[in-house]
Amino acid sequence: IAYAAMIVVFRVFPDWKIIFMPVIVFFLLLFALGVSY
């Protein structure tokens, strides 16, 4: 929510490629889970 607000404030509007973001988050979570174990 804070991230989206700052993107609007600074007028840095990502295009449709932002749909790839969940892929980044998913594999980071997988990495974090491995380190957590």
Full PDB file with SEQRES, HELIX, SHEET, SSBOND, CRYST1, ORIGX, SCALE, CONECT and MASTER records, all heavy atoms in Angstrom:
SEQRES   1 A   37  ILE ALA TYR ALA ALA MET ILE VAL VAL PHE ARG VAL PHE          
SEQRES   2 A   37  PRO ASP TRP LYS ILE ILE PHE MET PRO VAL ILE VAL PHE          
SEQRES   3 A   37  PHE LEU LEU LEU PHE ALA LEU GLY VAL SER TYR                  
HELIX    1 AA1 ALA A    2  VAL A    9  1                                   8    
HELIX    2 AA2 TRP A   16  PHE A   20  5                                   5    
HELIX    3 AA3 MET A   21  SER A   36  1                                  16    
CRYST1    1.000    1.000    1.000  90.00  90.00  90.00 P 1           1          
ORIGX1      1.000000  0.000000  0.000000        0.00000                         
ORIGX2      0.000000  1.000000  0.000000        0.00000                         
ORIGX3      0.000000  0.000000  1.000000        0.00000                         
SCALE1      1.000000  0.000000  0.000000        0.00000                         
SCALE2      0.000000  1.000000  0.000000        0.00000                         
SCALE3      0.000000  0.000000  1.000000        0.00000                         
ATOM      1  N   ILE A   1       0.850  -1.196   0.000  1.00  0.00           N  
ATOM      2  CA  ILE A   1       0.000   0.000   0.000  1.00  0.00           C  
ATOM      3  C   ILE A   1       0.883   1.243   0.000  1.00  0.00           C  
ATOM      4  O   ILE A   1       0.670   2.188  -0.770  1.00  0.00           O  
ATOM      5  CB  ILE A   1      -0.946  -0.006   1.220  1.00  0.00           C  
ATOM      6  CG1 ILE A   1      -1.881  -1.211   1.180  1.00  0.00           C  
ATOM      7  CG2 ILE A   1      -1.742   1.308   1.290  1.00  0.00           C  
ATOM      8  CD1 ILE A   1      -2.707  -1.409   2.444  1.00  0.00           C  
ATOM      9  N   ALA A   2       1.907   1.237   0.871  1.00  0.00           N  
ATOM     10  CA  ALA A   2       2.851   2.355   0.927  1.00  0.00           C  
ATOM     11  C   ALA A   2       3.629   2.467  -0.380  1.00  0.00           C  
ATOM     12  O   ALA A   2       3.864   3.574  -0.895  1.00  0.00           O  
ATOM     13  CB  ALA A   2       3.814   2.158   2.093  1.00  0.00           C  
ATOM     14  N   TYR A   3       4.009   1.315  -0.910  1.00  0.00           N  
ATOM     15  CA  TYR A   3       4.776   1.285  -2.164  1.00  0.00           C  
ATOM     16  C   TYR A   3       3.959   1.884  -3.309  1.00  0.00           C  
ATOM     17  O   TYR A   3       4.460   2.729  -4.067  1.00  0.00           O  
ATOM     18  CB  TYR A   3       5.150  -0.166  -2.472  1.00  0.00           C  
ATOM     19  CG  TYR A   3       6.144  -0.347  -3.594  1.00  0.00           C  
ATOM     20  CD1 TYR A   3       7.370   0.294  -3.571  1.00  0.00           C  
ATOM     21  CD2 TYR A   3       5.856  -1.183  -4.675  1.00  0.00           C  
ATOM     22  CE1 TYR A   3       8.294   0.112  -4.584  1.00  0.00           C  
ATOM     23  CE2 TYR A   3       6.773  -1.372  -5.694  1.00  0.00           C  
ATOM     24  CZ  TYR A   3       7.988  -0.724  -5.646  1.00  0.00           C  
ATOM     25  OH  TYR A   3       8.901  -0.894  -6.651  1.00  0.00           O  
ATOM     26  N   ALA A   4       2.707   1.479  -3.424  1.00  0.00           N  
ATOM     27  CA  ALA A   4       1.830   1.995  -4.470  1.00  0.00           C  
ATOM     28  C   ALA A   4       1.620   3.502  -4.312  1.00  0.00           C  
ATOM     29  O   ALA A   4       1.611   4.250  -5.303  1.00  0.00           O  
ATOM     30  CB  ALA A   4       0.486   1.275  -4.437  1.00  0.00           C  
ATOM     31  N   ALA A   5       1.462   3.949  -3.061  1.00  0.00           N  
ATOM     32  CA  ALA A   5       1.265   5.376  -2.797  1.00  0.00           C  
ATOM     33  C   ALA A   5       2.475   6.186  -3.263  1.00  0.00           C  
ATOM     34  O   ALA A   5       2.330   7.253  -3.883  1.00  0.00           O  
ATOM     35  CB  ALA A   5       1.016   5.610  -1.309  1.00  0.00           C  
ATOM     36  N   MET A   6       3.675   5.689  -3.003  1.00  0.00           N  
ATOM     37  CA  MET A   6       4.892   6.398  -3.393  1.00  0.00           C  
ATOM     38  C   MET A   6       5.086   6.395  -4.916  1.00  0.00           C  
ATOM     39  O   MET A   6       5.594   7.364  -5.483  1.00  0.00           O  
ATOM     40  CB  MET A   6       6.116   5.774  -2.710  1.00  0.00           C  
ATOM     41  CG  MET A   6       6.194   6.062  -1.219  1.00  0.00           C  
ATOM     42  SD  MET A   6       6.251   7.828  -0.822  1.00  0.00           S  
ATOM     43  CE  MET A   6       4.537   8.174  -0.407  1.00  0.00           C  
ATOM     44  N   ILE A   7       4.676   5.315  -5.551  1.00  0.00           N  
ATOM     45  CA  ILE A   7       4.740   5.251  -7.013  1.00  0.00           C  
ATOM     46  C   ILE A   7       3.868   6.348  -7.621  1.00  0.00           C  
ATOM     47  O   ILE A   7       4.246   7.005  -8.598  1.00  0.00           O  
ATOM     48  CB  ILE A   7       4.310   3.852  -7.508  1.00  0.00           C  
ATOM     49  CG1 ILE A   7       5.457   2.853  -7.314  1.00  0.00           C  
ATOM     50  CG2 ILE A   7       3.893   3.886  -8.972  1.00  0.00           C  
ATOM     51  CD1 ILE A   7       5.088   1.423  -7.633  1.00  0.00           C  
ATOM     52  N   VAL A   8       2.700   6.566  -7.015  1.00  0.00           N  
ATOM     53  CA  VAL A   8       1.793   7.619  -7.492  1.00  0.00           C  
ATOM     54  C   VAL A   8       2.386   8.998  -7.206  1.00  0.00           C  
ATOM     55  O   VAL A   8       2.397   9.876  -8.079  1.00  0.00           O  
ATOM     56  CB  VAL A   8       0.405   7.484  -6.820  1.00  0.00           C  
ATOM     57  CG1 VAL A   8      -0.471   8.690  -7.151  1.00  0.00           C  
ATOM     58  CG2 VAL A   8      -0.276   6.198  -7.264  1.00  0.00           C  
ATOM     59  N   VAL A   9       2.909   9.191  -5.993  1.00  0.00           N  
ATOM     60  CA  VAL A   9       3.472  10.482  -5.591  1.00  0.00           C  
ATOM     61  C   VAL A   9       4.625  10.887  -6.506  1.00  0.00           C  
ATOM     62  O   VAL A   9       4.728  12.042  -6.943  1.00  0.00           O  
ATOM     63  CB  VAL A   9       3.945  10.443  -4.121  1.00  0.00           C  
ATOM     64  CG1 VAL A   9       4.788  11.678  -3.783  1.00  0.00           C  
ATOM     65  CG2 VAL A   9       2.750  10.354  -3.191  1.00  0.00           C  
ATOM     66  N   PHE A  10       5.511   9.939  -6.810  1.00  0.00           N  
ATOM     67  CA  PHE A  10       6.688  10.239  -7.631  1.00  0.00           C  
ATOM     68  C   PHE A  10       6.439  10.015  -9.131  1.00  0.00           C  
ATOM     69  O   PHE A  10       7.360  10.113  -9.936  1.00  0.00           O  
ATOM     70  CB  PHE A  10       7.887   9.404  -7.157  1.00  0.00           C  
ATOM     71  CG  PHE A  10       8.442   9.858  -5.843  1.00  0.00           C  
ATOM     72  CD1 PHE A  10       8.037   9.265  -4.647  1.00  0.00           C  
ATOM     73  CD2 PHE A  10       9.350  10.908  -5.780  1.00  0.00           C  
ATOM     74  CE1 PHE A  10       8.541   9.687  -3.425  1.00  0.00           C  
ATOM     75  CE2 PHE A  10       9.863  11.336  -4.558  1.00  0.00           C  
ATOM     76  CZ  PHE A  10       9.457  10.727  -3.375  1.00  0.00           C  
ATOM     77  N   ARG A  11       5.200   9.682  -9.476  1.00  0.00           N  
ATOM     78  CA  ARG A  11       4.787   9.518 -10.877  1.00  0.00           C  
ATOM     79  C   ARG A  11       5.661   8.509 -11.630  1.00  0.00           C  
ATOM     80  O   ARG A  11       6.101   8.733 -12.750  1.00  0.00           O  
ATOM     81  CB  ARG A  11       4.814  10.871 -11.606  1.00  0.00           C  
ATOM     82  CG  ARG A  11       3.850  11.884 -11.008  1.00  0.00           C  
ATOM     83  CD  ARG A  11       3.961  13.217 -11.714  1.00  0.00           C  
ATOM     84  NE  ARG A  11       3.079  14.190 -11.129  1.00  0.00           N  
ATOM     85  CZ  ARG A  11       1.787  14.340 -11.445  1.00  0.00           C  
ATOM     86  NH1 ARG A  11       1.243  13.558 -12.358  1.00  0.00           N  
ATOM     87  NH2 ARG A  11       1.063  15.266 -10.861  1.00  0.00           N  
ATOM     88  N   VAL A  12       5.957   7.412 -10.943  1.00  0.00           N  
ATOM     89  CA  VAL A  12       6.709   6.324 -11.580  1.00  0.00           C  
ATOM     90  C   VAL A  12       5.716   5.205 -11.852  1.00  0.00           C  
ATOM     91  O   VAL A  12       5.569   4.284 -11.051  1.00  0.00           O  
ATOM     92  CB  VAL A  12       7.852   5.823 -10.661  1.00  0.00           C  
ATOM     93  CG1 VAL A  12       8.663   4.740 -11.363  1.00  0.00           C  
ATOM     94  CG2 VAL A  12       8.740   6.966 -10.240  1.00  0.00           C  
ATOM     95  N   PHE A  13       5.039   5.292 -12.961  1.00  0.00           N  
ATOM     96  CA  PHE A  13       3.970   4.337 -13.235  1.00  0.00           C  
ATOM     97  C   PHE A  13       4.487   3.157 -14.053  1.00  0.00           C  
ATOM     98  O   PHE A  13       4.857   3.326 -15.218  1.00  0.00           O  
ATOM     99  CB  PHE A  13       2.816   5.021 -13.971  1.00  0.00           C  
ATOM    100  CG  PHE A  13       2.201   6.147 -13.190  1.00  0.00           C  
ATOM    101  CD1 PHE A  13       2.411   7.469 -13.564  1.00  0.00           C  
ATOM    102  CD2 PHE A  13       1.451   5.881 -12.055  1.00  0.00           C  
ATOM    103  CE1 PHE A  13       1.853   8.510 -12.835  1.00  0.00           C  
ATOM    104  CE2 PHE A  13       0.893   6.916 -11.315  1.00  0.00           C  
ATOM    105  CZ  PHE A  13       1.093   8.230 -11.704  1.00  0.00           C  
ATOM    106  N   PRO A  14       4.565   1.962 -13.454  1.00  0.00           N  
ATOM    107  CA  PRO A  14       5.015   0.791 -14.205  1.00  0.00           C  
ATOM    108  C   PRO A  14       3.997   0.410 -15.280  1.00  0.00           C  
ATOM    109  O   PRO A  14       2.810   0.703 -15.139  1.00  0.00           O  
ATOM    110  CB  PRO A  14       5.130  -0.303 -13.141  1.00  0.00           C  
ATOM    111  CG  PRO A  14       4.377   0.182 -11.963  1.00  0.00           C  
ATOM    112  CD  PRO A  14       4.206   1.659 -12.083  1.00  0.00           C  
ATOM    113  N   ASP A  15       4.475  -0.238 -16.326  1.00  0.00           N  
ATOM    114  CA  ASP A  15       3.548  -0.670 -17.382  1.00  0.00           C  
ATOM    115  C   ASP A  15       3.076  -2.099 -17.099  1.00  0.00           C  
ATOM    116  O   ASP A  15       3.228  -2.615 -15.986  1.00  0.00           O  
ATOM    117  CB  ASP A  15       4.182  -0.537 -18.768  1.00  0.00           C  
ATOM    118  CG  ASP A  15       5.460  -1.363 -18.920  1.00  0.00           C  
ATOM    119  OD1 ASP A  15       5.683  -2.272 -18.080  1.00  0.00           O  
ATOM    120  OD2 ASP A  15       6.229  -1.124 -19.863  1.00  0.00           O  
ATOM    121  N   TRP A  16       2.519  -2.758 -18.111  1.00  0.00           N  
ATOM    122  CA  TRP A  16       1.905  -4.077 -17.937  1.00  0.00           C  
ATOM    123  C   TRP A  16       2.897  -5.142 -17.469  1.00  0.00           C  
ATOM    124  O   TRP A  16       2.494  -6.167 -16.911  1.00  0.00           O  
ATOM    125  CB  TRP A  16       1.250  -4.527 -19.246  1.00  0.00           C  
ATOM    126  CG  TRP A  16       2.236  -4.737 -20.360  1.00  0.00           C  
ATOM    127  CD1 TRP A  16       2.684  -3.808 -21.260  1.00  0.00           C  
ATOM    128  CD2 TRP A  16       2.921  -5.958 -20.682  1.00  0.00           C  
ATOM    129  NE1 TRP A  16       3.595  -4.357 -22.114  1.00  0.00           N  
ATOM    130  CE2 TRP A  16       3.757  -5.678 -21.792  1.00  0.00           C  
ATOM    131  CE3 TRP A  16       2.897  -7.247 -20.150  1.00  0.00           C  
ATOM    132  CZ2 TRP A  16       4.573  -6.646 -22.372  1.00  0.00           C  
ATOM    133  CZ3 TRP A  16       3.716  -8.210 -20.729  1.00  0.00           C  
ATOM    134  CH2 TRP A  16       4.535  -7.910 -21.818  1.00  0.00           C  
ATOM    135  N   LYS A  17       4.178  -4.879 -17.627  1.00  0.00           N  
ATOM    136  CA  LYS A  17       5.192  -5.877 -17.241  1.00  0.00           C  
ATOM    137  C   LYS A  17       5.225  -6.115 -15.733  1.00  0.00           C  
ATOM    138  O   LYS A  17       5.822  -7.081 -15.265  1.00  0.00           O  
ATOM    139  CB  LYS A  17       6.568  -5.451 -17.744  1.00  0.00           C  
ATOM    140  CG  LYS A  17       6.675  -5.364 -19.265  1.00  0.00           C  
ATOM    141  CD  LYS A  17       8.067  -4.953 -19.693  1.00  0.00           C  
ATOM    142  CE  LYS A  17       8.135  -4.690 -21.195  1.00  0.00           C  
ATOM    143  NZ  LYS A  17       7.426  -3.457 -21.592  1.00  0.00           N  
ATOM    144  N   ILE A  18       4.569  -5.246 -14.975  1.00  0.00           N  
ATOM    145  CA  ILE A  18       4.525  -5.402 -13.522  1.00  0.00           C  
ATOM    146  C   ILE A  18       3.813  -6.703 -13.115  1.00  0.00           C  
ATOM    147  O   ILE A  18       3.942  -7.156 -11.979  1.00  0.00           O  
ATOM    148  CB  ILE A  18       3.827  -4.186 -12.865  1.00  0.00           C  
ATOM    149  CG1 ILE A  18       4.111  -4.120 -11.344  1.00  0.00           C  
ATOM    150  CG2 ILE A  18       2.338  -4.217 -13.115  1.00  0.00           C  
ATOM    151  CD1 ILE A  18       5.523  -3.856 -10.981  1.00  0.00           C  
ATOM    152  N   ILE A  19       3.095  -7.312 -14.044  1.00  0.00           N  
ATOM    153  CA  ILE A  19       2.422  -8.590 -13.748  1.00  0.00           C  
ATOM    154  C   ILE A  19       3.443  -9.690 -13.429  1.00  0.00           C  
ATOM    155  O   ILE A  19       3.084 -10.742 -12.890  1.00  0.00           O  
ATOM    156  CB  ILE A  19       1.505  -9.053 -14.907  1.00  0.00           C  
ATOM    157  CG1 ILE A  19       2.327  -9.298 -16.180  1.00  0.00           C  
ATOM    158  CG2 ILE A  19       0.385  -8.056 -15.158  1.00  0.00           C  
ATOM    159  CD1 ILE A  19       1.544  -9.951 -17.320  1.00  0.00           C  
ATOM    160  N   PHE A  20       4.721  -9.428 -13.748  1.00  0.00           N  
ATOM    161  CA  PHE A  20       5.776 -10.397 -13.438  1.00  0.00           C  
ATOM    162  C   PHE A  20       6.183 -10.337 -11.962  1.00  0.00           C  
ATOM    163  O   PHE A  20       6.860 -11.237 -11.466  1.00  0.00           O  
ATOM    164  CB  PHE A  20       7.004 -10.133 -14.326  1.00  0.00           C  
ATOM    165  CG  PHE A  20       8.086 -11.175 -14.225  1.00  0.00           C  
ATOM    166  CD1 PHE A  20       7.910 -12.437 -14.779  1.00  0.00           C  
ATOM    167  CD2 PHE A  20       9.276 -10.908 -13.568  1.00  0.00           C  
ATOM    168  CE1 PHE A  20       8.903 -13.410 -14.679  1.00  0.00           C  
ATOM    169  CE2 PHE A  20      10.276 -11.862 -13.463  1.00  0.00           C  
ATOM    170  CZ  PHE A  20      10.085 -13.122 -14.028  1.00  0.00           C  
ATOM    171  N   MET A  21       5.752  -9.307 -11.264  1.00  0.00           N  
ATOM    172  CA  MET A  21       6.144  -9.116  -9.856  1.00  0.00           C  
ATOM    173  C   MET A  21       5.790 -10.314  -8.967  1.00  0.00           C  
ATOM    174  O   MET A  21       6.605 -10.722  -8.129  1.00  0.00           O  
ATOM    175  CB  MET A  21       5.522  -7.835  -9.302  1.00  0.00           C  
ATOM    176  CG  MET A  21       5.957  -7.517  -7.882  1.00  0.00           C  
ATOM    177  SD  MET A  21       5.235  -5.977  -7.280  1.00  0.00           S  
ATOM    178  CE  MET A  21       5.825  -5.964  -5.590  1.00  0.00           C  
ATOM    179  N   PRO A  22       4.587 -10.905  -9.084  1.00  0.00           N  
ATOM    180  CA  PRO A  22       4.271 -12.068  -8.250  1.00  0.00           C  
ATOM    181  C   PRO A  22       5.259 -13.227  -8.411  1.00  0.00           C  
ATOM    182  O   PRO A  22       5.489 -13.976  -7.460  1.00  0.00           O  
ATOM    183  CB  PRO A  22       2.868 -12.475  -8.714  1.00  0.00           C  
ATOM    184  CG  PRO A  22       2.265 -11.215  -9.234  1.00  0.00           C  
ATOM    185  CD  PRO A  22       3.407 -10.476  -9.866  1.00  0.00           C  
ATOM    186  N   VAL A  23       5.848 -13.355  -9.596  1.00  0.00           N  
ATOM    187  CA  VAL A  23       6.844 -14.413  -9.829  1.00  0.00           C  
ATOM    188  C   VAL A  23       8.082 -14.142  -8.968  1.00  0.00           C  
ATOM    189  O   VAL A  23       8.628 -15.048  -8.326  1.00  0.00           O  
ATOM    190  CB  VAL A  23       7.235 -14.493 -11.325  1.00  0.00           C  
ATOM    191  CG1 VAL A  23       8.333 -15.535 -11.537  1.00  0.00           C  
ATOM    192  CG2 VAL A  23       6.014 -14.820 -12.176  1.00  0.00           C  
ATOM    193  N   ILE A  24       8.518 -12.888  -8.944  1.00  0.00           N  
ATOM    194  CA  ILE A  24       9.672 -12.495  -8.126  1.00  0.00           C  
ATOM    195  C   ILE A  24       9.396 -12.775  -6.656  1.00  0.00           C  
ATOM    196  O   ILE A  24      10.220 -13.366  -5.950  1.00  0.00           O  
ATOM    197  CB  ILE A  24       9.998 -10.999  -8.329  1.00  0.00           C  
ATOM    198  CG1 ILE A  24      10.355 -10.723  -9.792  1.00  0.00           C  
ATOM    199  CG2 ILE A  24      11.127 -10.559  -7.408  1.00  0.00           C  
ATOM    200  CD1 ILE A  24      10.438  -9.252 -10.144  1.00  0.00           C  
ATOM    201  N   VAL A  25       8.218 -12.357  -6.199  1.00  0.00           N  
ATOM    202  CA  VAL A  25       7.851 -12.533  -4.789  1.00  0.00           C  
ATOM    203  C   VAL A  25       7.752 -14.010  -4.438  1.00  0.00           C  
ATOM    204  O   VAL A  25       8.211 -14.437  -3.370  1.00  0.00           O  
ATOM    205  CB  VAL A  25       6.520 -11.808  -4.487  1.00  0.00           C  
ATOM    206  CG1 VAL A  25       6.054 -12.112  -3.054  1.00  0.00           C  
ATOM    207  CG2 VAL A  25       6.674 -10.304  -4.678  1.00  0.00           C  
ATOM    208  N   PHE A  26       7.172 -14.805  -5.333  1.00  0.00           N  
ATOM    209  CA  PHE A  26       7.019 -16.241  -5.071  1.00  0.00           C  
ATOM    210  C   PHE A  26       8.369 -16.912  -4.861  1.00  0.00           C  
ATOM    211  O   PHE A  26       8.558 -17.661  -3.891  1.00  0.00           O  
ATOM    212  CB  PHE A  26       6.275 -16.922  -6.234  1.00  0.00           C  
ATOM    213  CG  PHE A  26       6.264 -18.423  -6.132  1.00  0.00           C  
ATOM    214  CD1 PHE A  26       5.399 -19.068  -5.258  1.00  0.00           C  
ATOM    215  CD2 PHE A  26       7.128 -19.195  -6.905  1.00  0.00           C  
ATOM    216  CE1 PHE A  26       5.397 -20.458  -5.147  1.00  0.00           C  
ATOM    217  CE2 PHE A  26       7.135 -20.586  -6.809  1.00  0.00           C  
ATOM    218  CZ  PHE A  26       6.265 -21.212  -5.923  1.00  0.00           C  
ATOM    219  N   PHE A  27       9.314 -16.658  -5.760  1.00  0.00           N  
ATOM    220  CA  PHE A  27      10.615 -17.321  -5.634  1.00  0.00           C  
ATOM    221  C   PHE A  27      11.435 -16.764  -4.470  1.00  0.00           C  
ATOM    222  O   PHE A  27      12.251 -17.493  -3.886  1.00  0.00           O  
ATOM    223  CB  PHE A  27      11.388 -17.238  -6.952  1.00  0.00           C  
ATOM    224  CG  PHE A  27      10.901 -18.230  -7.976  1.00  0.00           C  
ATOM    225  CD1 PHE A  27      10.077 -17.832  -9.019  1.00  0.00           C  
ATOM    226  CD2 PHE A  27      11.223 -19.572  -7.872  1.00  0.00           C  
ATOM    227  CE1 PHE A  27       9.601 -18.750  -9.943  1.00  0.00           C  
ATOM    228  CE2 PHE A  27      10.761 -20.505  -8.793  1.00  0.00           C  
ATOM    229  CZ  PHE A  27       9.939 -20.090  -9.829  1.00  0.00           C  
ATOM    230  N   LEU A  28      11.213 -15.505  -4.110  1.00  0.00           N  
ATOM    231  CA  LEU A  28      11.861 -14.972  -2.909  1.00  0.00           C  
ATOM    232  C   LEU A  28      11.295 -15.641  -1.661  1.00  0.00           C  
ATOM    233  O   LEU A  28      12.040 -15.962  -0.725  1.00  0.00           O  
ATOM    234  CB  LEU A  28      11.675 -13.456  -2.824  1.00  0.00           C  
ATOM    235  CG  LEU A  28      12.262 -12.776  -1.568  1.00  0.00           C  
ATOM    236  CD1 LEU A  28      13.744 -13.100  -1.400  1.00  0.00           C  
ATOM    237  CD2 LEU A  28      12.037 -11.271  -1.615  1.00  0.00           C  
ATOM    238  N   LEU A  29       9.991 -15.858  -1.637  1.00  0.00           N  
ATOM    239  CA  LEU A  29       9.373 -16.570  -0.510  1.00  0.00           C  
ATOM    240  C   LEU A  29       9.894 -18.001  -0.417  1.00  0.00           C  
ATOM    241  O   LEU A  29      10.135 -18.510   0.676  1.00  0.00           O  
ATOM    242  CB  LEU A  29       7.846 -16.587  -0.665  1.00  0.00           C  
ATOM    243  CG  LEU A  29       7.100 -15.324  -0.242  1.00  0.00           C  
ATOM    244  CD1 LEU A  29       5.639 -15.418  -0.654  1.00  0.00           C  
ATOM    245  CD2 LEU A  29       7.208 -15.094   1.268  1.00  0.00           C  
ATOM    246  N   LEU A  30      10.082 -18.631  -1.569  1.00  0.00           N  
ATOM    247  CA  LEU A  30      10.622 -19.987  -1.596  1.00  0.00           C  
ATOM    248  C   LEU A  30      12.047 -19.998  -1.040  1.00  0.00           C  
ATOM    249  O   LEU A  30      12.423 -20.867  -0.241  1.00  0.00           O  
ATOM    250  CB  LEU A  30      10.611 -20.511  -3.043  1.00  0.00           C  
ATOM    251  CG  LEU A  30      10.509 -22.020  -3.263  1.00  0.00           C  
ATOM    252  CD1 LEU A  30       9.238 -22.582  -2.641  1.00  0.00           C  
ATOM    253  CD2 LEU A  30      10.541 -22.341  -4.758  1.00  0.00           C  
ATOM    254  N   PHE A  31      12.824 -19.001  -1.446  1.00  0.00           N  
ATOM    255  CA  PHE A  31      14.192 -18.846  -0.946  1.00  0.00           C  
ATOM    256  C   PHE A  31      14.177 -18.607   0.567  1.00  0.00           C  
ATOM    257  O   PHE A  31      14.945 -19.226   1.322  1.00  0.00           O  
ATOM    258  CB  PHE A  31      14.864 -17.674  -1.668  1.00  0.00           C  
ATOM    259  CG  PHE A  31      16.276 -17.395  -1.228  1.00  0.00           C  
ATOM    260  CD1 PHE A  31      17.335 -18.130  -1.746  1.00  0.00           C  
ATOM    261  CD2 PHE A  31      16.551 -16.397  -0.303  1.00  0.00           C  
ATOM    262  CE1 PHE A  31      18.644 -17.880  -1.345  1.00  0.00           C  
ATOM    263  CE2 PHE A  31      17.847 -16.140   0.105  1.00  0.00           C  
ATOM    264  CZ  PHE A  31      18.892 -16.882  -0.419  1.00  0.00           C  
ATOM    265  N   ALA A  32      13.283 -17.713   1.012  1.00  0.00           N  
ATOM    266  CA  ALA A  32      13.169 -17.400   2.445  1.00  0.00           C  
ATOM    267  C   ALA A  32      12.746 -18.622   3.250  1.00  0.00           C  
ATOM    268  O   ALA A  32      13.226 -18.842   4.369  1.00  0.00           O  
ATOM    269  CB  ALA A  32      12.164 -16.258   2.653  1.00  0.00           C  
ATOM    270  N   LEU A  33      11.857 -19.428   2.682  1.00  0.00           N  
ATOM    271  CA  LEU A  33      11.402 -20.640   3.365  1.00  0.00           C  
ATOM    272  C   LEU A  33      12.543 -21.632   3.523  1.00  0.00           C  
ATOM    273  O   LEU A  33      12.702 -22.262   4.578  1.00  0.00           O  
ATOM    274  CB  LEU A  33      10.238 -21.271   2.596  1.00  0.00           C  
ATOM    275  CG  LEU A  33       9.518 -22.450   3.246  1.00  0.00           C  
ATOM    276  CD1 LEU A  33       9.030 -22.099   4.636  1.00  0.00           C  
ATOM    277  CD2 LEU A  33       8.349 -22.905   2.369  1.00  0.00           C  
ATOM    278  N   GLY A  34      13.356 -21.766   2.487  1.00  0.00           N  
ATOM    279  CA  GLY A  34      14.522 -22.656   2.571  1.00  0.00           C  
ATOM    280  C   GLY A  34      15.494 -22.210   3.649  1.00  0.00           C  
ATOM    281  O   GLY A  34      15.973 -23.018   4.460  1.00  0.00           O  
ATOM    282  N   VAL A  35      15.802 -20.906   3.676  1.00  0.00           N  
ATOM    283  CA  VAL A  35      16.695 -20.364   4.708  1.00  0.00           C  
ATOM    284  C   VAL A  35      16.064 -20.533   6.086  1.00  0.00           C  
ATOM    285  O   VAL A  35      16.754 -20.854   7.064  1.00  0.00           O  
ATOM    286  CB  VAL A  35      16.993 -18.868   4.427  1.00  0.00           C  
ATOM    287  CG1 VAL A  35      17.802 -18.261   5.582  1.00  0.00           C  
ATOM    288  CG2 VAL A  35      17.761 -18.712   3.117  1.00  0.00           C  
ATOM    289  N   SER A  36      14.738 -20.348   6.171  1.00  0.00           N  
ATOM    290  CA  SER A  36      14.029 -20.495   7.452  1.00  0.00           C  
ATOM    291  C   SER A  36      14.159 -21.909   8.003  1.00  0.00           C  
ATOM    292  O   SER A  36      14.366 -22.093   9.212  1.00  0.00           O  
ATOM    293  CB  SER A  36      12.542 -20.147   7.269  1.00  0.00           C  
ATOM    294  OG  SER A  36      12.379 -18.790   6.939  1.00  0.00           O  
ATOM    295  N   TYR A  37      14.036 -22.907   7.134  1.00  0.00           N  
ATOM    296  CA  TYR A  37      14.215 -24.299   7.569  1.00  0.00           C  
ATOM    297  C   TYR A  37      15.620 -24.510   8.150  1.00  0.00           C  
ATOM    298  O   TYR A  37      15.788 -25.184   9.168  1.00  0.00           O  
ATOM    299  CB  TYR A  37      14.008 -25.257   6.394  1.00  0.00           C  
ATOM    300  CG  TYR A  37      12.573 -25.567   6.071  1.00  0.00           C  
ATOM    301  CD1 TYR A  37      12.099 -25.512   4.759  1.00  0.00           C  
ATOM    302  CD2 TYR A  37      11.668 -25.936   7.068  1.00  0.00           C  
ATOM    303  CE1 TYR A  37      10.771 -25.806   4.454  1.00  0.00           C  
ATOM    304  CE2 TYR A  37      10.354 -26.234   6.773  1.00  0.00           C  
ATOM    305  CZ  TYR A  37       9.904 -26.171   5.462  1.00  0.00           C  
ATOM    306  OH  TYR A  37       8.597 -26.462   5.171  1.00  0.00           O  
TER     307      TYR A  37                                                      
MASTER        0    0    0    3    0    0    0    6  306    1    0    3          
END                                                                             
